[in-house]
Amino acid sequence: MKIKIMAFREAYKLFVDAWGLYRKYSARRLDDAECEAMAQEADAINEKYQSDLAKDMLVSVIREVSKDARMKIKDTEE
């Protein structure tokens, strides 16, 4: 198994891209099209960096955004 070590600049760019994804889709309810768009953007970022760090960060961002979206749906139902 080949392990890819990222340079600091590349890791910084990954953090910026992951933050941009989080900022774009968090703090609001998402419809199906927006969820699909978020998944496609996450896939593109993952392909760009091709590292375990990228995969782990993007999974965490998607989980957090999904959790926020579920909480907002629950709040509107109450």
N, C-alpha and C. Protein backbone atom coordinates (compact mmCIF):
# COMPACT_ATOMS: atom_id res chain seq x y z
N MET A 1 0.84 -1.18 0.00
CA MET A 1 0.00 0.00 0.00
C MET A 1 0.89 1.25 0.00
N LYS A 2 0.65 2.13 -0.95
CA LYS A 2 1.43 3.35 -1.05
C LYS A 2 0.76 4.46 -0.25
N ILE A 3 1.53 5.08 0.62
CA ILE A 3 1.02 6.18 1.43
C ILE A 3 1.56 7.48 0.84
N LYS A 4 0.64 8.40 0.57
CA LYS A 4 1.02 9.69 -0.01
C LYS A 4 1.12 10.73 1.11
N ILE A 5 2.27 11.33 1.23
CA ILE A 5 2.49 12.39 2.21
C ILE A 5 2.34 13.72 1.49
N MET A 6 1.49 14.57 2.03
CA MET A 6 1.23 15.87 1.40
C MET A 6 2.24 16.91 1.88
N ALA A 7 2.62 17.78 0.97
CA ALA A 7 3.43 18.94 1.34
C ALA A 7 2.54 19.93 2.09
N PHE A 8 3.14 20.80 2.86
CA PHE A 8 2.35 21.76 3.64
C PHE A 8 1.45 22.61 2.77
N ARG A 9 1.95 23.09 1.64
CA ARG A 9 1.15 23.94 0.77
C ARG A 9 -0.04 23.17 0.21
N GLU A 10 0.18 21.92 -0.17
CA GLU A 10 -0.91 21.10 -0.69
C GLU A 10 -1.95 20.81 0.40
N ALA A 11 -1.48 20.55 1.62
CA ALA A 11 -2.40 20.33 2.74
C ALA A 11 -3.20 21.59 3.03
N TYR A 12 -2.54 22.74 2.96
CA TYR A 12 -3.24 24.02 3.17
C TYR A 12 -4.34 24.19 2.13
N LYS A 13 -4.04 23.92 0.88
CA LYS A 13 -5.04 24.05 -0.19
C LYS A 13 -6.21 23.09 0.03
N LEU A 14 -5.91 21.89 0.51
CA LEU A 14 -6.97 20.94 0.84
C LEU A 14 -7.88 21.50 1.93
N PHE A 15 -7.29 22.04 2.98
CA PHE A 15 -8.08 22.63 4.06
C PHE A 15 -8.96 23.77 3.54
N VAL A 16 -8.40 24.59 2.67
CA VAL A 16 -9.17 25.70 2.09
C VAL A 16 -10.33 25.15 1.25
N ASP A 17 -10.08 24.14 0.44
CA ASP A 17 -11.14 23.56 -0.38
C ASP A 17 -12.22 22.90 0.48
N ALA A 18 -11.80 22.19 1.53
CA ALA A 18 -12.78 21.55 2.42
C ALA A 18 -13.59 22.61 3.16
N TRP A 19 -12.94 23.68 3.59
CA TRP A 19 -13.64 24.78 4.26
C TRP A 19 -14.65 25.42 3.31
N GLY A 20 -14.25 25.62 2.07
CA GLY A 20 -15.15 26.20 1.09
C GLY A 20 -16.39 25.34 0.88
N LEU A 21 -16.21 24.04 0.84
CA LEU A 21 -17.34 23.12 0.70
C LEU A 21 -18.26 23.23 1.91
N TYR A 22 -17.67 23.23 3.10
CA TYR A 22 -18.47 23.36 4.32
C TYR A 22 -19.23 24.68 4.35
N ARG A 23 -18.52 25.76 4.07
CA ARG A 23 -19.13 27.09 4.10
C ARG A 23 -20.28 27.21 3.10
N LYS A 24 -20.11 26.61 1.94
CA LYS A 24 -21.12 26.72 0.88
C LYS A 24 -22.42 25.98 1.24
N TYR A 25 -22.30 24.83 1.90
CA TYR A 25 -23.49 23.99 2.11
C TYR A 25 -23.99 23.91 3.54
N SER A 26 -23.25 24.45 4.50
CA SER A 26 -23.71 24.36 5.89
C SER A 26 -24.68 25.49 6.20
N ALA A 27 -25.31 25.37 7.35
CA ALA A 27 -26.19 26.41 7.89
C ALA A 27 -27.43 26.68 7.04
N ARG A 28 -27.88 25.68 6.30
CA ARG A 28 -29.14 25.82 5.56
C ARG A 28 -29.67 24.44 5.20
N ARG A 29 -30.94 24.40 4.89
CA ARG A 29 -31.53 23.14 4.45
C ARG A 29 -31.16 22.91 2.99
N LEU A 30 -30.86 21.66 2.66
CA LEU A 30 -30.46 21.32 1.29
C LEU A 30 -31.54 20.47 0.64
N ASP A 31 -31.83 20.77 -0.62
CA ASP A 31 -32.72 19.89 -1.37
C ASP A 31 -31.88 18.80 -2.03
N ASP A 32 -32.54 17.89 -2.72
CA ASP A 32 -31.83 16.76 -3.32
C ASP A 32 -30.78 17.20 -4.33
N ALA A 33 -31.09 18.20 -5.11
CA ALA A 33 -30.14 18.69 -6.12
C ALA A 33 -28.90 19.27 -5.46
N GLU A 34 -29.08 20.00 -4.36
CA GLU A 34 -27.94 20.57 -3.66
C GLU A 34 -27.10 19.48 -2.99
N CYS A 35 -27.74 18.46 -2.47
CA CYS A 35 -27.01 17.33 -1.89
C CYS A 35 -26.17 16.64 -2.95
N GLU A 36 -26.74 16.45 -4.13
CA GLU A 36 -26.00 15.84 -5.24
C GLU A 36 -24.83 16.73 -5.67
N ALA A 37 -25.07 18.03 -5.74
CA ALA A 37 -24.00 18.97 -6.11
C ALA A 37 -22.87 18.93 -5.08
N MET A 38 -23.22 18.87 -3.79
CA MET A 38 -22.21 18.79 -2.75
C MET A 38 -21.39 17.51 -2.90
N ALA A 39 -22.05 16.39 -3.17
CA ALA A 39 -21.34 15.12 -3.34
C ALA A 39 -20.40 15.18 -4.54
N GLN A 40 -20.85 15.79 -5.63
CA GLN A 40 -20.00 15.91 -6.82
C GLN A 40 -18.79 16.80 -6.55
N GLU A 41 -19.00 17.89 -5.82
CA GLU A 41 -17.88 18.77 -5.47
C GLU A 41 -16.89 18.06 -4.55
N ALA A 42 -17.41 17.28 -3.60
CA ALA A 42 -16.53 16.52 -2.71
C ALA A 42 -15.73 15.49 -3.50
N ASP A 43 -16.38 14.83 -4.46
CA ASP A 43 -15.67 13.86 -5.31
C ASP A 43 -14.55 14.55 -6.10
N ALA A 44 -14.83 15.73 -6.61
CA ALA A 44 -13.82 16.47 -7.38
C ALA A 44 -12.63 16.85 -6.50
N ILE A 45 -12.91 17.28 -5.28
CA ILE A 45 -11.83 17.63 -4.35
C ILE A 45 -11.02 16.38 -4.01
N ASN A 46 -11.71 15.28 -3.77
CA ASN A 46 -11.03 14.02 -3.45
C ASN A 46 -10.14 13.58 -4.61
N GLU A 47 -10.62 13.70 -5.83
CA GLU A 47 -9.82 13.34 -7.00
C GLU A 47 -8.61 14.26 -7.14
N LYS A 48 -8.79 15.51 -6.81
CA LYS A 48 -7.71 16.50 -6.92
C LYS A 48 -6.53 16.15 -6.02
N TYR A 49 -6.82 15.71 -4.78
CA TYR A 49 -5.76 15.47 -3.81
C TYR A 49 -5.38 14.00 -3.67
N GLN A 50 -6.29 13.10 -3.91
CA GLN A 50 -6.03 11.66 -3.87
C GLN A 50 -5.20 11.24 -2.65
N SER A 51 -5.73 11.55 -1.47
CA SER A 51 -5.03 11.17 -0.24
C SER A 51 -6.04 10.74 0.82
N ASP A 52 -5.55 10.01 1.79
CA ASP A 52 -6.41 9.60 2.90
C ASP A 52 -6.89 10.82 3.69
N LEU A 53 -6.03 11.82 3.82
CA LEU A 53 -6.42 13.03 4.54
C LEU A 53 -7.59 13.71 3.85
N ALA A 54 -7.53 13.82 2.54
CA ALA A 54 -8.63 14.44 1.79
C ALA A 54 -9.91 13.65 1.99
N LYS A 55 -9.83 12.35 1.86
CA LYS A 55 -11.01 11.51 2.03
C LYS A 55 -11.61 11.69 3.42
N ASP A 56 -10.77 11.63 4.44
CA ASP A 56 -11.26 11.76 5.82
C ASP A 56 -11.88 13.13 6.08
N MET A 57 -11.24 14.16 5.57
CA MET A 57 -11.78 15.51 5.77
C MET A 57 -13.12 15.69 5.08
N LEU A 58 -13.21 15.20 3.86
CA LEU A 58 -14.45 15.37 3.10
C LEU A 58 -15.60 14.56 3.70
N VAL A 59 -15.31 13.37 4.19
CA VAL A 59 -16.34 12.58 4.87
C VAL A 59 -16.82 13.34 6.10
N SER A 60 -15.90 13.93 6.85
CA SER A 60 -16.28 14.69 8.03
C SER A 60 -17.12 15.91 7.68
N VAL A 61 -16.75 16.61 6.62
CA VAL A 61 -17.53 17.78 6.19
C VAL A 61 -18.93 17.36 5.79
N ILE A 62 -19.05 16.29 5.01
CA ILE A 62 -20.37 15.83 4.56
C ILE A 62 -21.22 15.39 5.75
N ARG A 63 -20.61 14.69 6.70
CA ARG A 63 -21.36 14.27 7.90
C ARG A 63 -21.86 15.48 8.68
N GLU A 64 -21.01 16.47 8.85
CA GLU A 64 -21.38 17.65 9.62
C GLU A 64 -22.49 18.44 8.92
N VAL A 65 -22.36 18.61 7.62
CA VAL A 65 -23.40 19.32 6.86
C VAL A 65 -24.71 18.54 6.93
N SER A 66 -24.64 17.23 6.82
CA SER A 66 -25.85 16.40 6.90
C SER A 66 -26.50 16.52 8.27
N LYS A 67 -25.69 16.53 9.31
CA LYS A 67 -26.20 16.67 10.67
C LYS A 67 -26.89 18.02 10.83
N ASP A 68 -26.25 19.08 10.32
CA ASP A 68 -26.85 20.42 10.39
C ASP A 68 -28.17 20.46 9.64
N ALA A 69 -28.21 19.84 8.47
CA ALA A 69 -29.44 19.83 7.66
C ALA A 69 -30.55 19.08 8.38
N ARG A 70 -30.23 17.96 9.00
CA ARG A 70 -31.25 17.20 9.74
C ARG A 70 -31.78 17.99 10.92
N MET A 71 -30.90 18.72 11.61
CA MET A 71 -31.33 19.53 12.75
C MET A 71 -32.26 20.65 12.30
N LYS A 72 -31.97 21.23 11.16
CA LYS A 72 -32.82 22.32 10.66
C LYS A 72 -34.19 21.79 10.23
N ILE A 73 -34.21 20.59 9.65
CA ILE A 73 -35.49 19.98 9.29
C ILE A 73 -36.30 19.69 10.55
N LYS A 74 -35.63 19.17 11.58
CA LYS A 74 -36.31 18.86 12.84
C LYS A 74 -36.85 20.14 13.47
N ASP A 75 -36.08 21.22 13.44
CA ASP A 75 -36.52 22.49 14.02
C ASP A 75 -37.75 23.03 13.30
N THR A 76 -37.84 22.88 12.00
CA THR A 76 -38.99 23.39 11.26
C THR A 76 -40.23 22.53 11.46
N GLU A 77 -40.04 21.26 11.83
CA GLU A 77 -41.18 20.38 12.06
C GLU A 77 -41.82 20.63 13.43
N GLU A 78 -41.05 21.17 14.36
CA GLU A 78 -41.58 21.38 15.71
C GLU A 78 -42.42 22.62 15.81
